[in-house]
Amino acid sequence: MNINSVKYLQILYFLTFSTINTCYFCRIEAEKIQQIVDHISSTLCKSAYSLSSLQDIVGINAHLEKLKSLLQTKINDVRIVGIWGIRGVGKTTIAKAMFDTLSYQFKAACFLADVKENSRKNELHSLQNTLLSELLRKKDNYINNKLDGKCLIPSRLCSMNVLIVLHNDHLEYLAGDLCWFGIGSRVVVTTRNRHLIEKDDAIYEVPALPDPEAMQLCNQHALKKEISDECFKMFSLEVVNIAKGLPLALKVWGSFLHRRDITEWRNAIEQMKYNSNSEIIQKLKISYDGLEPIKQEMFLDIACFFRGRKKDEIMQIL
């Protein structure tokens, strides 16, 4: 349905309401028409906004094509798809782009953000309430503890066609089984831990950006739309080489270099080679902090003593 169809429905609503204003039942019908108009208008606006916002995300089309091939929304089954990769590679960005472009195909959809923060506060049931409120389109405190949530979620959603995006390690309490949701439903999980996704579930491993797209993203933040000389382009290529295709690093470093002169660029790049930006370090360190102590020790051994060695050899030693 296009914009002209929406305008037609709006005209129909006003004509209906104005000519039969005195009839109670007709007013009810007019209100239903207005609800349809509002819903379609909202969907069209969201779709238009999604398409325009996606244009600014470097490389997003390739990610979406691969993710859609795993989701296979035309098939009437229930699927869990994992988006897996290191921190800063763009998992959440890809998941949000997918959600914005596909959510209209489902009866209800929910994008759960800030899951880590809520789970640390031991408020997993609040996430379950958010999930139910979004999908049932009625905000309420449905449950008071996570165990009750494991019972209520499947009982309320087992017949609904839904799209859910989770940013957490608590599938057991939010999407514990395929039978929790109706036919055609899709659950997308972003994670740094591949073992959280079942072997039978599809997994999209997010790769680092190739050099051309990495260069585009760096310039998008460092140069904006300004015209620059060849020196800046040369230094941009150095930043890309240092960042190794990691979108987070390209965004942070690119923004840092914006509107700085050539001398500042040169000095900053020298610093990047020997001392990465502290903001990136802090964000990436979350992955390290989340490891068990023995795995942290293994990570440090690899980083300090085994750089350049073959993987099989290191695995045997460790």
Foldseek 3Di string as FASTA:
>chain_A
DDPVVLVVLVVVLVVQCVVPVPDPVSVVVSVVSVVVSVVVVVLVVLQVVLVVVVVPDFPLVVLLVVVCVQLVLVAFFEAEEEEEEAPQQQSVVSVVSNCSNCQVVFLFEEEDPPPVVCVVVVNVLVSLQVVCCRRVVHRDSPDDHQVVSLVPQLVVAQAGAYEYEEEDLPCCRRPNDRSSHHTSHYYYYYDHDPVSDDPPHHYDYRDADPQVSLLVLLCCQQVNPHDDDVLVSVLSSLQSVLVVRRNNSSNVVSNVNHPDDSVVSVVVSVCCVPPNDVVVVVSSCVVLVPDDPVVNVLVVCCVPPVPPHDPVVSVVVD
